[in-house]
């Protein structure tokens, strides 16, 4: 009799624990966006995978979030970088002062890209084309 009572008590306890665990999970539609979950941009050492937006976010929302992130980043705030977002692509254009700034802009866009491809067309000011110069160097 005691053994039967113990088994019933265990089953009830496990069922209650399972029910509580299921009811405490947050649906994915109520998860916070990067703007809500962090007040500043992540450092370069932080993982960007956890910040990725799903591709179901509206293009204009994603574009607005990327532009805000550019303005909040001290190295990009005074640059002329912009993002054009479509359902399948994010195209970055403009000019920055260094290749590190170009990489940072692409990293920020990738955080919000979801399944969108990031097409980085940003120019680095003062950089030259990849074609070798036809002027010979003095000897």
Protein backbone atom coordinates (compact mmCIF):
# COMPACT_ATOMS: atom_id res chain seq x y z
CA UNK A 1 0.00 0.00 0.00
CA UNK A 2 2.80 2.41 0.90
CA UNK A 3 4.59 1.59 -2.35
CA UNK A 4 1.46 2.38 -4.42
CA UNK A 5 1.01 5.66 -2.59
CA UNK A 6 4.67 6.56 -3.21
CA UNK A 7 4.37 5.83 -6.96
CA UNK A 8 1.21 7.93 -7.28
CA UNK A 9 2.88 10.79 -5.40
CA UNK A 10 5.90 10.64 -7.74
CA UNK A 11 3.73 10.67 -10.86
CA UNK A 12 1.73 13.66 -9.59
CA UNK A 13 4.93 15.51 -8.68
CA UNK A 14 6.50 14.90 -12.10
CA UNK A 15 3.29 15.98 -13.85
CA UNK A 16 3.15 19.18 -11.79
CA UNK A 17 6.80 19.99 -12.51
CA UNK A 18 6.29 19.41 -16.24
CA UNK A 19 3.20 21.63 -16.29
CA UNK A 20 5.00 24.45 -14.47
CA UNK A 21 7.99 24.21 -16.82
CA UNK A 22 5.75 24.39 -19.90
CA UNK A 23 3.79 27.37 -18.65
CA UNK A 24 6.92 29.39 -17.74
CA UNK A 25 8.46 29.25 -21.24
CA UNK A 26 8.29 32.52 -23.21
CA UNK A 27 6.87 32.25 -26.74
CA UNK A 28 9.33 33.39 -29.41
CA UNK A 29 7.04 36.25 -30.47
CA UNK A 30 7.48 37.84 -27.03
CA UNK A 31 11.29 37.70 -26.90
CA UNK A 32 12.91 41.12 -26.58
CA UNK A 33 14.49 42.78 -29.58
CA UNK A 34 18.11 43.96 -29.40
CA UNK A 35 16.90 47.51 -28.67
CA UNK A 36 14.92 46.28 -25.65
CA UNK A 37 17.45 43.81 -24.28
CA UNK A 38 20.58 45.99 -24.39
CA UNK A 39 20.98 49.71 -24.00
CA UNK A 40 24.31 49.83 -25.85
CA UNK A 41 25.89 48.00 -28.75
CA UNK A 42 27.80 44.81 -28.00
CA UNK A 43 31.56 44.96 -28.04
CA UNK A 44 33.48 43.21 -30.78
CA UNK A 45 34.32 40.41 -28.36
CA UNK A 46 30.67 39.50 -27.79
CA UNK A 47 29.02 36.86 -29.93
CA UNK A 48 26.79 38.27 -32.64
CA UNK A 49 24.87 35.05 -33.20
CA UNK A 50 22.61 35.66 -30.24
CA UNK A 51 21.69 39.10 -31.55
CA UNK A 52 20.49 37.99 -34.97
CA UNK A 53 17.02 39.06 -35.94
CA UNK A 54 14.76 36.63 -37.71
CA UNK A 55 14.05 37.39 -41.34
CA UNK A 56 10.38 37.87 -40.47
CA UNK A 57 11.17 41.39 -39.18
CA UNK A 58 9.87 44.08 -41.50
CA UNK A 59 12.45 45.61 -43.84
CA UNK A 60 11.77 49.14 -42.60
CA UNK A 61 12.11 48.04 -38.95
CA UNK A 62 15.41 46.31 -39.67
CA UNK A 63 16.66 49.34 -41.61
CA UNK A 64 15.72 51.68 -38.76
CA UNK A 65 17.45 49.44 -36.20
CA UNK A 66 20.63 49.26 -38.27
CA UNK A 67 20.71 53.04 -38.78
CA UNK A 68 20.23 53.57 -35.02
CA UNK A 69 23.05 51.14 -34.30
CA UNK A 70 25.32 53.03 -36.72
CA UNK A 71 24.55 56.31 -34.92
CA UNK A 72 25.19 54.74 -31.50
CA UNK A 73 28.60 53.39 -32.52
CA UNK A 74 31.27 56.03 -31.83
CA UNK A 75 33.37 55.06 -34.87
CA UNK A 76 30.42 55.19 -37.30
CA UNK A 77 28.33 58.05 -35.89
CA UNK A 78 30.02 60.70 -38.06
CA UNK A 79 30.36 58.60 -41.19
CA UNK A 80 28.06 58.60 -44.19
CA UNK A 81 27.05 54.94 -43.99
CA UNK A 82 23.51 53.87 -44.86
CA UNK A 83 21.66 50.60 -45.16
CA UNK A 84 19.05 49.68 -47.78
CA UNK A 85 17.04 46.66 -46.61
CA UNK A 86 14.91 44.38 -48.77
CA UNK A 87 13.32 41.05 -47.95
CA UNK A 88 16.43 39.12 -48.98
CA UNK A 89 19.35 41.59 -48.80
CA UNK A 90 20.93 44.41 -46.80
CA UNK A 91 23.08 46.68 -48.94
CA UNK A 92 25.52 48.95 -47.13
CA UNK A 93 26.75 52.10 -48.90
CA UNK A 94 28.69 55.21 -47.99
CA UNK A 95 32.18 56.15 -46.91
CA UNK A 96 34.17 55.43 -43.75
CA UNK A 97 37.68 56.42 -42.69
CA UNK A 98 39.14 52.92 -42.16
CA UNK A 99 38.68 49.29 -43.09
CA UNK A 100 38.00 48.57 -39.40
CA UNK A 101 34.99 50.92 -39.59
CA UNK A 102 33.82 49.16 -42.77
CA UNK A 103 34.06 45.79 -41.00
CA UNK A 104 32.24 47.19 -37.94
CA UNK A 105 29.36 48.43 -40.10
CA UNK A 106 29.06 45.00 -41.71
CA UNK A 107 29.14 43.33 -38.29
CA UNK A 108 26.30 45.56 -37.06
CA UNK A 109 24.21 44.86 -40.17
CA UNK A 110 24.81 41.12 -39.78
CA UNK A 111 23.38 41.29 -36.24
CA UNK A 112 20.02 42.32 -37.72
CA UNK A 113 20.20 40.39 -41.01
CA UNK A 114 18.50 37.14 -40.06
CA UNK A 115 18.45 35.19 -43.34
CA UNK A 116 19.21 38.29 -45.42
CA UNK A 117 22.53 38.55 -47.28
CA UNK A 118 24.70 41.55 -46.33
CA UNK A 119 26.20 43.27 -49.40
CA UNK A 120 28.92 45.64 -48.18
CA UNK A 121 29.56 48.37 -50.78
CA UNK A 122 31.07 50.83 -48.28
CA UNK A 123 34.10 52.75 -49.56
CA UNK A 124 37.11 53.48 -47.35
CA UNK A 125 38.16 57.12 -47.82
CA UNK A 126 41.70 57.52 -49.06
CA UNK A 127 41.87 53.94 -50.28
CA UNK A 128 42.98 53.32 -53.81
CA UNK A 129 41.71 50.85 -56.32
CA UNK A 130 43.12 47.34 -56.41
CA UNK A 131 44.74 48.07 -59.79
CA UNK A 132 48.52 48.53 -59.60
CA UNK A 133 49.84 51.96 -60.42
CA UNK A 134 51.30 52.41 -63.87
CA UNK A 135 53.78 54.94 -62.55
CA UNK A 136 57.13 53.28 -61.84
CA UNK A 137 58.69 53.81 -58.43
CA UNK A 138 61.94 55.81 -58.34
CA UNK A 139 65.09 53.75 -57.89
